[in-house]
Amino acid sequence: MLNISENSIAKYVKQNDFRAFRVLKEISYFQFSRKSVIIILVVLLICLFLPWTQNIQTDGYVTTLFPEQRPQAIQSIISGRLEKWYVREGDFVEKGDTVVFISDAKSEYFDPKLIERTQEQLDAKVESSSSYEAKIAAIRAQSTALQEAMQLKLRQLENKILQANNKVQMDSIDLVAYSTNLRIAENQLTRTQELYDKGLKSLTELQEKELKVQEANAKVTVQRNKLVNQRNELLNLDLEMSTVEREYRDKLAKAQSDTQSALSAKLGTMAEVSKLRNQLSNYGQRASLYYVTAPQSGYITKAVKKGIGELIKEGADIVSIMPQDYDLAVEVYVRPQDLPLIKQDNKVSLRFDGWPAIVISGWPEASTGVFTGKVVAIDRFISSNGYYRLLVSPDQEDRPWPEKLSMGTGVRTFLLLNNVPIWYELWRQLNGFPADYYTEEKTNPKPLKLKAPLKSVK
């Protein structure tokens, strides 16, 4: 039937007698003409010069623009035992609403009257501080009295010394007078003795003169001893003055030492008072922390701790909350080799999961159901996954993003770069070059003409 054999049977079989052969003859075949091929090639060649928008495609998810607007965990500052829930998952809470109540789990806080007893200790310490103040005032008054007594005693001794000096002077004068009388009596005795030897004076007169000399000599001796005693008394007064001054100095030093001891005890008591006040304030603040409240308005999304009676450590997550008001953004990650091509405010095309769209990456204006954004933040340090993080916010000049977007929704992003011909993009893709592989060469400024140095004039 194919007529490929040299022994054909076409002359023996009539093909028109068979329906299958008749159907085959009735089928018309499309044949490309040379003109059609040329037209197709010309159209393809023209298409190669059509503009194509280079782009970097990556995946991401919906998040918020500001950190405080992202889902956060509500934590307890203190450790305790979970006693009562005031919310459930999905509830809306205002800022300051109570979320959960916990009781203390540490033995030092079990006393129900802990604050009252601490207040009593504080009052006792305050009274003790007041008593130390009274003691310090009494010791200072005692020191003042000792100083006044010392001054009075010293004045008395100074008067006695002045009197003793006067007596010493008087006794010295008397001693001089007695000594003069003694010399006169001795002269008279000598002359009487001469007259007696000549027979001019009687023995009685001679003996009277001898008696007067002895009396005068006795008075001089007594007066000399009296002067010595008075001088010794003056010396004793000087010694007594030094002794009194030393005794009062010792008493004043002891009083000063007692004052410093009382002042030190007062300062120690004041430190304990301050410590007790701090402790009392901490107890009051701790009592207010038994009620864990919402830090901001939002929706309760997930309870981490569930059972009543469950122990909670300080800083442990209790429940998570999603803020009520937030600004949408998209978080995406790009390869390190693509990061130098991305700049602030670059345009980005977005296709959200759950929103139908027809995406033509090279012709974003022909895409349907695609939203736009712009790059607002670029990380300068690589993430743990080996990529750099970008943050994309809505483009205010284009239509708004869907209102019902939820946190964590997947996103397919197209970061738009330069417009190039299609042939260039095909050539780049075939060679595996990154976008914007070739850039326009920057025109260098004209080189500075250096003047030849002047020759030195000889």
Protein backbone atom coordinates (compact mmCIF):
# COMPACT_ATOMS: atom_id res chain seq x y z
CA MET A 1 0.00 0.00 0.00
CA LEU A 2 2.93 2.32 0.60
CA ASN A 3 4.28 1.64 -2.88
CA ILE A 4 7.78 1.06 -1.66
CA SER A 5 8.16 -2.34 -3.18
CA GLU A 6 9.16 -3.02 -6.76
CA ASN A 7 6.29 -5.46 -7.11
CA SER A 8 3.39 -3.03 -6.84
CA ILE A 9 -0.16 -4.29 -6.62
CA ALA A 10 -1.74 -0.92 -7.47
CA LYS A 11 -2.81 -2.28 -10.85
CA TYR A 12 -4.65 -5.13 -9.21
CA VAL A 13 -6.39 -3.19 -6.38
CA LYS A 14 -8.59 -0.16 -6.89
CA GLN A 15 -8.08 2.25 -3.92
CA ASN A 16 -11.38 4.02 -4.51
CA ASP A 17 -13.19 0.84 -3.61
CA PHE A 18 -11.94 1.25 -0.04
CA ARG A 19 -13.36 3.93 2.29
CA ALA A 20 -10.15 4.46 4.19
CA PHE A 21 -8.28 5.43 1.03
CA ARG A 22 -11.05 7.77 0.00
CA VAL A 23 -10.89 9.56 3.41
CA LEU A 24 -7.13 9.96 3.12
CA LYS A 25 -7.43 11.58 -0.26
CA GLU A 26 -10.02 14.04 1.00
CA ILE A 27 -7.70 15.37 3.82
CA SER A 28 -5.94 18.61 2.87
CA TYR A 29 -2.41 19.18 4.12
CA PHE A 30 -1.11 22.56 5.31
CA GLN A 31 2.12 23.34 3.68
CA PHE A 32 4.42 26.18 4.75
CA SER A 33 5.32 28.40 1.94
CA ARG A 34 8.59 30.27 1.73
CA LYS A 35 6.75 33.51 2.32
CA SER A 36 5.16 32.22 5.54
CA VAL A 37 8.50 31.09 6.87
CA ILE A 38 10.04 34.49 6.10
CA ILE A 39 7.16 36.29 7.85
CA ILE A 40 7.50 34.11 10.94
CA LEU A 41 11.26 34.68 11.09
CA VAL A 42 10.81 38.44 10.71
CA VAL A 43 8.22 38.48 13.52
CA LEU A 44 10.54 36.49 15.78
CA LEU A 45 13.43 38.81 14.97
CA ILE A 46 11.33 41.86 15.81
CA CYS A 47 10.23 40.23 19.09
CA LEU A 48 13.86 39.79 20.06
CA PHE A 49 14.18 43.58 20.22
CA LEU A 50 11.09 44.09 22.39
CA PRO A 51 11.83 45.51 25.91
CA TRP A 52 12.12 43.07 28.78
CA THR A 53 12.25 44.02 32.48
CA GLN A 54 14.98 42.18 34.31
CA ASN A 55 13.89 40.86 37.70
CA ILE A 56 14.99 38.80 40.65
CA GLN A 57 12.42 36.26 41.80
CA THR A 58 12.25 35.10 45.39
CA ASP A 59 9.74 33.92 47.98
CA GLY A 60 8.77 35.58 51.24
CA TYR A 61 5.94 36.08 53.67
CA VAL A 62 3.77 38.86 55.03
CA THR A 63 4.97 40.60 58.19
CA THR A 64 4.74 44.08 59.70
CA LEU A 65 6.79 47.19 59.05
CA PHE A 66 7.56 48.03 62.69
CA PRO A 67 8.87 45.53 65.29
CA GLU A 68 6.31 46.51 67.94
CA GLN A 69 3.47 45.61 65.55
CA ARG A 70 4.53 41.99 65.12
CA PRO A 71 3.11 39.10 67.16
CA GLN A 72 4.71 39.01 70.58
CA ALA A 73 4.68 36.82 73.64
CA ILE A 74 3.29 38.00 76.97
CA GLN A 75 5.70 37.03 79.73
CA SER A 76 5.73 37.07 83.50
CA ILE A 77 8.40 39.15 85.23
CA ILE A 78 8.31 36.92 88.32
CA SER A 79 8.07 33.18 88.76
CA GLY A 80 4.86 31.76 90.15
CA ARG A 81 2.02 29.29 89.93
CA LEU A 82 -0.76 29.76 87.37
CA GLU A 83 -4.03 30.24 89.24
CA LYS A 84 -6.65 31.67 86.86
CA TRP A 85 -7.17 32.57 83.20
CA TYR A 86 -9.14 35.69 82.27
CA VAL A 87 -8.99 35.26 78.47
CA ARG A 88 -9.13 32.54 75.88
CA GLU A 89 -7.61 32.16 72.45
CA GLY A 90 -9.17 34.49 69.90
CA ASP A 91 -10.33 37.10 72.45
CA PHE A 92 -9.66 40.78 71.85
CA VAL A 93 -8.04 42.57 74.79
CA GLU A 94 -7.34 46.22 75.44
CA LYS A 95 -4.03 47.49 76.74
CA GLY A 96 -3.86 46.84 80.51
CA ASP A 97 -6.54 44.09 80.56
CA THR A 98 -5.74 41.17 82.88
CA VAL A 99 -4.70 38.03 81.03
CA VAL A 100 -3.81 35.62 83.83
CA PHE A 101 -3.37 35.59 87.62
CA ILE A 102 -0.44 33.83 89.24
CA SER A 103 0.52 33.19 92.86
CA ASP A 104 4.00 33.21 94.33
CA ALA A 105 6.02 30.01 94.33
CA LYS A 106 8.95 31.10 96.53
CA SER A 107 8.89 30.31 100.25
CA GLU A 108 10.17 33.77 101.30
CA TYR A 109 6.98 35.34 99.92
CA PHE A 110 4.43 32.91 101.40
CA ASP A 111 3.57 35.14 104.40
CA PRO A 112 0.20 36.80 103.66
CA LYS A 113 1.13 39.74 105.91
CA LEU A 114 4.62 40.15 104.51
CA ILE A 115 4.14 43.82 103.65
CA GLU A 116 2.65 44.69 107.08
CA ARG A 117 5.48 42.97 108.94
CA THR A 118 8.09 44.62 106.78
CA GLN A 119 6.43 47.96 107.53
CA GLU A 120 6.71 47.20 111.25
CA GLN A 121 10.42 46.48 110.87
CA LEU A 122 10.81 49.74 108.97
CA ASP A 123 9.01 51.71 111.70
CA ALA A 124 11.22 50.13 114.38
CA LYS A 125 14.36 51.05 112.48
CA VAL A 126 13.10 54.61 112.02
CA GLU A 127 12.52 54.89 115.78
CA SER A 128 15.99 53.45 116.41
CA SER A 129 17.43 56.10 114.12
CA SER A 130 15.56 58.79 116.09
CA SER A 131 16.99 57.46 119.37
CA TYR A 132 20.49 57.64 117.95
CA GLU A 133 19.82 61.25 117.00
CA ALA A 134 18.81 61.98 120.61
CA LYS A 135 21.92 60.21 121.89
CA ILE A 136 24.12 62.24 119.56
CA ALA A 137 22.46 65.46 120.76
CA ALA A 138 23.03 64.44 124.42
CA ILE A 139 26.70 63.61 123.85
CA ARG A 140 27.21 66.90 122.04
CA ALA A 141 25.59 68.75 124.95
CA GLN A 142 27.87 66.84 127.32
CA SER A 143 30.88 67.85 125.24
CA THR A 144 29.80 71.48 125.42
CA ALA A 145 29.43 71.24 129.22
CA LEU A 146 32.88 69.65 129.53
CA GLN A 147 34.40 72.43 127.46
CA GLU A 148 32.74 75.05 129.64
CA ALA A 149 33.86 73.25 132.85
CA MET A 150 37.40 73.00 131.52
CA GLN A 151 37.49 76.70 130.73
CA LEU A 152 36.11 77.52 134.20
CA LYS A 153 38.61 75.22 135.94
CA LEU A 154 41.48 76.66 133.95
CA ARG A 155 40.42 80.18 134.83
CA GLN A 156 40.34 79.21 138.51
CA LEU A 157 43.83 77.75 138.29
CA GLU A 158 45.06 80.82 136.44
CA ASN A 159 43.74 82.98 139.32
CA LYS A 160 45.45 80.74 141.87
CA ILE A 161 48.69 80.92 139.91
CA LEU A 162 48.40 84.69 139.79
CA GLN A 163 47.84 84.76 143.55
CA ALA A 164 50.78 82.41 144.09
CA ASN A 165 52.99 84.62 141.95
CA ASN A 166 51.97 87.60 144.10
CA LYS A 167 52.76 85.68 147.29
CA VAL A 168 56.14 84.67 145.88
CA GLN A 169 56.91 88.29 145.15
CA MET A 170 55.76 89.35 148.66
CA ASP A 171 57.78 86.58 150.29
CA SER A 172 60.81 87.58 148.26
CA ILE A 173 60.46 91.14 149.44
CA ASP A 174 60.07 89.97 153.06
CA LEU A 175 63.13 87.78 152.70
CA VAL A 176 65.13 90.76 151.47
CA ALA A 177 63.90 92.81 154.45
CA TYR A 178 64.75 90.05 156.92
CA SER A 179 68.15 89.62 155.35
CA THR A 180 68.77 93.34 155.73
CA ASN A 181 67.73 93.21 159.38
CA LEU A 182 70.10 90.26 159.85
CA ARG A 183 73.04 92.23 158.39
CA ILE A 184 72.17 95.21 160.59
CA ALA A 185 71.97 92.98 163.68
CA GLU A 186 75.30 91.37 162.79
CA ASN A 187 76.93 94.82 162.36
CA GLN A 188 75.54 95.96 165.69
CA LEU A 189 76.82 92.74 167.29
CA THR A 190 80.29 93.36 165.83
CA ARG A 191 80.47 96.92 167.11
CA THR A 192 79.10 95.93 170.52
CA GLN A 193 81.70 93.15 170.69
CA GLU A 194 84.46 95.69 170.02
CA LEU A 195 83.09 98.06 172.63
CA TYR A 196 82.71 95.19 175.07
CA ASP A 197 86.32 94.24 174.51
CA LYS A 198 87.30 97.79 175.31
CA GLY A 199 85.08 97.80 178.40
CA LEU A 200 82.68 100.30 177.03
CA LYS A 201 79.69 97.93 176.82
CA SER A 202 78.37 95.54 179.39
CA LEU A 203 77.98 91.80 178.88
CA THR A 204 74.22 92.18 179.01
CA GLU A 205 74.20 94.52 176.05
CA LEU A 206 76.46 92.15 174.17
CA GLN A 207 74.14 89.24 174.83
CA GLU A 208 71.12 91.29 173.73
CA LYS A 209 72.83 91.95 170.40
CA GLU A 210 73.62 88.28 170.02
CA LEU A 211 69.97 87.49 170.72
CA LYS A 212 68.82 89.95 168.09
CA VAL A 213 71.18 88.38 165.53
CA GLN A 214 69.77 84.96 166.28
CA GLU A 215 66.20 86.21 166.02
CA ALA A 216 66.97 87.95 162.72
CA ASN A 217 68.71 84.84 161.44
CA ALA A 218 65.70 82.71 162.43
CA LYS A 219 63.32 85.05 160.63
CA VAL A 220 65.48 84.92 157.48
CA THR A 221 65.48 81.11 157.59
CA VAL A 222 61.73 80.95 158.14
CA GLN A 223 61.10 83.46 155.34
CA ARG A 224 63.43 81.58 152.98
CA ASN A 225 61.58 78.34 153.69
CA LYS A 226 58.28 80.11 153.19
CA LEU A 227 59.45 81.44 149.82
CA VAL A 228 60.56 77.98 148.75
CA ASN A 229 57.18 76.54 149.78
CA GLN A 230 55.34 79.26 147.87
CA ARG A 231 57.39 78.59 144.76
CA ASN A 232 56.67 74.86 145.10
CA GLU A 233 52.96 75.69 145.42
CA LEU A 234 53.21 77.76 142.20
CA LEU A 235 54.87 74.83 140.46
CA ASN A 236 52.15 72.51 141.76
CA LEU A 237 49.51 74.86 140.36
CA ASP A 238 51.20 74.75 136.96
CA LEU A 239 51.25 70.95 137.13
CA GLU A 240 47.62 70.89 138.26
CA MET A 241 46.65 73.13 135.36
CA SER A 242 48.29 70.74 132.88
CA THR A 243 46.65 67.76 134.64
CA VAL A 244 43.19 69.36 134.57
CA GLU A 245 43.58 70.30 130.93
CA ARG A 246 44.68 66.75 130.07
CA GLU A 247 41.82 65.19 132.03
CA TYR A 248 39.23 67.36 130.31
CA ARG A 249 40.85 66.70 126.92
CA ASP A 250 40.50 62.97 127.58
CA LYS A 251 36.86 63.42 128.55
CA LEU A 252 36.19 65.52 125.45
CA ALA A 253 37.94 62.95 123.25
CA LYS A 254 35.82 60.19 124.79
CA ALA A 255 32.69 62.26 124.21
CA GLN A 256 33.79 62.86 120.59
CA SER A 257 34.40 59.13 120.20
CA ASP A 258 30.95 58.37 121.60
CA THR A 259 29.49 60.92 119.18
CA GLN A 260 31.20 59.27 116.22
CA SER A 261 30.09 55.82 117.39
CA ALA A 262 26.50 57.01 117.74
CA LEU A 263 26.72 58.73 114.36
CA SER A 264 28.09 55.56 112.76
CA ALA A 265 25.29 53.52 114.36
CA LYS A 266 22.79 56.09 113.10
CA LEU A 267 24.16 55.87 109.55
CA GLY A 268 24.03 52.07 109.75
CA THR A 269 20.43 52.29 110.89
CA MET A 270 19.65 54.71 108.08
CA ALA A 271 21.15 52.25 105.59
CA GLU A 272 18.95 49.49 107.02
CA VAL A 273 15.96 51.85 106.83
CA SER A 274 16.72 52.55 103.16
CA LYS A 275 17.14 48.82 102.51
CA LEU A 276 13.83 48.04 104.22
CA ARG A 277 12.07 50.77 102.25
CA ASN A 278 13.48 49.34 99.04
CA GLN A 279 12.41 45.87 100.13
CA LEU A 280 8.94 47.13 101.05
CA SER A 281 8.59 48.83 97.66
CA ASN A 282 9.72 45.63 95.92
CA TYR A 283 7.15 43.62 97.85
CA GLY A 284 4.44 46.07 96.80
CA GLN A 285 5.52 45.96 93.18
CA ARG A 286 5.74 42.17 93.28
CA ALA A 287 2.19 41.97 94.60
CA SER A 288 1.00 44.03 91.61
CA LEU A 289 2.82 41.67 89.22
CA TYR A 290 0.64 38.72 90.18
CA TYR A 291 -1.83 39.99 87.57
CA VAL A 292 -0.24 39.69 84.12
CA THR A 293 -1.74 42.32 81.80
CA ALA A 294 -1.71 42.90 78.04
CA PRO A 295 1.07 45.30 76.94
CA GLN A 296 -1.05 46.56 74.01
CA SER A 297 -4.42 46.07 72.38
CA GLY A 298 -4.72 42.99 70.20
CA TYR A 299 -5.98 39.44 69.76
CA ILE A 300 -4.94 36.47 71.89
CA THR A 301 -3.58 33.94 69.42
CA LYS A 302 -1.93 31.06 71.31
CA ALA A 303 -1.61 29.99 74.94
CA VAL A 304 1.83 28.55 75.68
CA LYS A 305 1.06 27.70 79.33
CA LYS A 306 -2.32 26.05 79.75
CA GLY A 307 -2.99 24.11 82.96
CA ILE A 308 -4.11 25.59 86.27
CA GLY A 309 -1.37 25.06 88.83
CA GLU A 310 1.39 24.99 86.24
CA LEU A 311 4.63 26.64 87.39
CA ILE A 312 5.88 29.63 85.40
CA LYS A 313 9.46 30.83 85.44
CA GLU A 314 10.34 34.49 85.19
CA GLY A 315 10.67 35.54 81.57
CA ALA A 316 8.80 32.47 80.29
CA ASP A 317 6.18 32.90 77.55
CA ILE A 318 2.59 32.56 78.75
CA VAL A 319 0.49 33.58 75.76
CA SER A 320 1.05 35.30 72.40
CA ILE A 321 -0.82 38.38 71.22
CA MET A 322 -1.29 39.92 67.77
CA PRO A 323 -1.49 43.75 67.87
CA GLN A 324 -4.69 45.33 66.67
CA ASP A 325 -3.14 47.99 64.42
CA TYR A 326 -0.23 47.19 62.15
CA ASP A 327 1.37 48.28 58.89
CA LEU A 328 1.82 45.47 56.39
CA ALA A 329 5.18 44.61 54.86
CA VAL A 330 6.76 41.66 53.09
CA GLU A 331 9.94 39.99 54.26
CA VAL A 332 11.99 38.32 51.51
CA TYR A 333 15.51 36.89 51.20
CA VAL A 334 17.84 37.31 48.23
CA ARG A 335 21.12 35.68 47.27
CA PRO A 336 24.36 37.48 48.13
CA GLN A 337 25.23 37.87 44.41
CA ASP A 338 21.94 39.68 43.80
CA LEU A 339 22.28 42.09 46.72
CA PRO A 340 24.51 44.68 44.95
CA LEU A 341 21.80 45.10 42.28
CA ILE A 342 19.13 46.09 44.80
CA LYS A 343 18.75 49.66 45.98
CA GLN A 344 16.44 51.51 48.31
CA ASP A 345 12.97 52.25 46.83
CA ASN A 346 13.34 49.58 44.11
CA LYS A 347 9.99 48.55 42.67
CA VAL A 348 8.73 45.06 43.55
CA SER A 349 5.85 43.05 42.06
CA LEU A 350 4.03 40.80 44.54
CA ARG A 351 1.76 37.79 44.13
CA PHE A 352 0.08 36.77 47.40
CA ASP A 353 -1.00 33.21 48.12
CA GLY A 354 -4.78 32.94 47.82
CA TRP A 355 -5.13 35.87 45.39
CA PRO A 356 -5.31 34.70 41.74
CA ALA A 357 -2.93 36.44 39.39
CA ILE A 358 -1.43 36.13 35.92
CA VAL A 359 2.23 37.05 36.14
CA ILE A 360 4.46 37.97 33.20
CA SER A 361 7.72 38.69 34.96
CA GLY A 362 9.35 40.53 32.05
CA TRP A 363 6.32 42.70 31.33
CA PRO A 364 4.98 43.74 34.72
CA GLU A 365 2.51 46.17 33.15
CA ALA A 366 0.84 43.21 31.42
CA SER A 367 0.45 41.23 34.66
CA THR A 368 -2.97 40.86 36.26
CA GLY A 369 -3.79 40.51 39.95
CA VAL A 370 -0.27 41.54 40.95
CA PHE A 371 0.39 44.14 43.66
CA THR A 372 3.35 46.46 43.87
CA GLY A 373 5.68 47.56 46.63
CA LYS A 374 9.06 49.13 47.18
CA VAL A 375 12.18 48.15 49.13
CA VAL A 376 12.38 50.08 52.43
CA ALA A 377 15.07 48.15 54.33
CA ILE A 378 18.13 46.10 53.35
CA ASP A 379 20.07 44.10 55.90
CA ARG A 380 23.81 44.79 55.91
CA PHE A 381 24.64 41.48 57.57
CA ILE A 382 23.90 38.03 56.16
CA SER A 383 21.20 35.95 57.84
CA SER A 384 21.69 32.49 59.32
CA ASN A 385 20.17 30.91 56.17
CA GLY A 386 22.91 32.38 53.96
CA TYR A 387 20.69 35.04 52.36
CA TYR A 388 20.19 38.77 52.88
CA ARG A 389 16.85 39.98 54.20
CA LEU A 390 14.79 42.70 52.50
CA LEU A 391 11.70 44.47 53.78
CA VAL A 392 9.12 45.61 51.24
CA SER A 393 6.30 48.06 52.05
CA PRO A 394 3.21 48.95 49.96
CA ASP A 395 3.66 51.43 47.14
CA GLN A 396 1.53 54.44 48.02
CA GLU A 397 1.26 55.45 44.37
CA ASP A 398 -0.38 52.14 43.37
CA ARG A 399 -3.49 50.29 44.55
CA PRO A 400 -3.49 49.15 48.19
CA TRP A 401 -2.76 45.60 49.22
CA PRO A 402 -5.67 43.28 50.13
CA GLU A 403 -7.29 44.14 53.45
CA LYS A 404 -7.64 40.53 54.54
CA LEU A 405 -3.96 39.69 54.38
CA SER A 406 -2.83 37.74 57.44
CA MET A 407 0.56 37.55 59.08
CA GLY A 408 2.67 34.77 57.54
CA THR A 409 0.90 34.64 54.15
CA GLY A 410 3.25 33.41 51.44
CA VAL A 411 4.37 35.83 48.75
CA ARG A 412 6.10 35.43 45.41
CA THR A 413 8.10 38.56 44.69
CA PHE A 414 9.67 39.98 41.52
CA LEU A 415 12.23 42.69 42.16
CA LEU A 416 12.23 44.83 39.04
CA LEU A 417 15.57 45.99 37.63
CA ASN A 418 16.55 47.48 34.26
CA ASN A 419 14.70 47.28 30.94
CA VAL A 420 16.72 45.35 28.32
CA PRO A 421 15.91 43.74 24.92
CA ILE A 422 14.67 40.17 24.90
CA TRP A 423 17.72 38.97 22.95
CA TYR A 424 19.99 40.36 25.70
CA GLU A 425 17.99 38.60 28.40
CA LEU A 426 18.09 35.30 26.46
CA TRP A 427 21.83 35.67 25.95
CA ARG A 428 22.30 36.45 29.69
CA GLN A 429 20.21 33.45 30.75
CA LEU A 430 22.07 31.09 28.37
CA ASN A 431 25.44 32.24 29.71
CA GLY A 432 24.30 32.26 33.35
CA PHE A 433 25.30 35.89 33.94
CA PRO A 434 23.57 37.85 36.72
CA ALA A 435 21.24 40.70 35.89
CA ASP A 436 22.93 43.97 34.97
CA TYR A 437 26.12 42.10 34.10
CA TYR A 438 27.26 44.88 31.84
CA THR A 439 26.97 48.48 32.94
CA GLU A 440 27.68 51.65 31.12
CA GLU A 441 31.23 52.74 31.47
CA LYS A 442 31.52 55.88 33.50
CA THR A 443 33.20 58.72 31.74
CA ASN A 444 36.31 59.65 33.58
CA PRO A 445 36.98 63.32 34.01
CA LYS A 446 39.72 64.84 31.96
CA PRO A 447 43.11 64.19 33.49
CA LEU A 448 44.76 67.12 35.11
CA LYS A 449 47.51 68.64 33.09
CA LEU A 450 50.60 69.03 35.16
CA LYS A 451 52.77 72.02 34.43
CA ALA A 452 56.44 71.48 33.88
CA PRO A 453 58.55 72.67 36.81
CA LEU A 454 60.20 76.00 36.32
CA LYS A 455 63.89 75.94 35.72
CA SER A 456 65.91 77.55 38.45
CA VAL A 457 67.50 80.79 37.43
CA LYS A 458 71.21 80.72 37.94
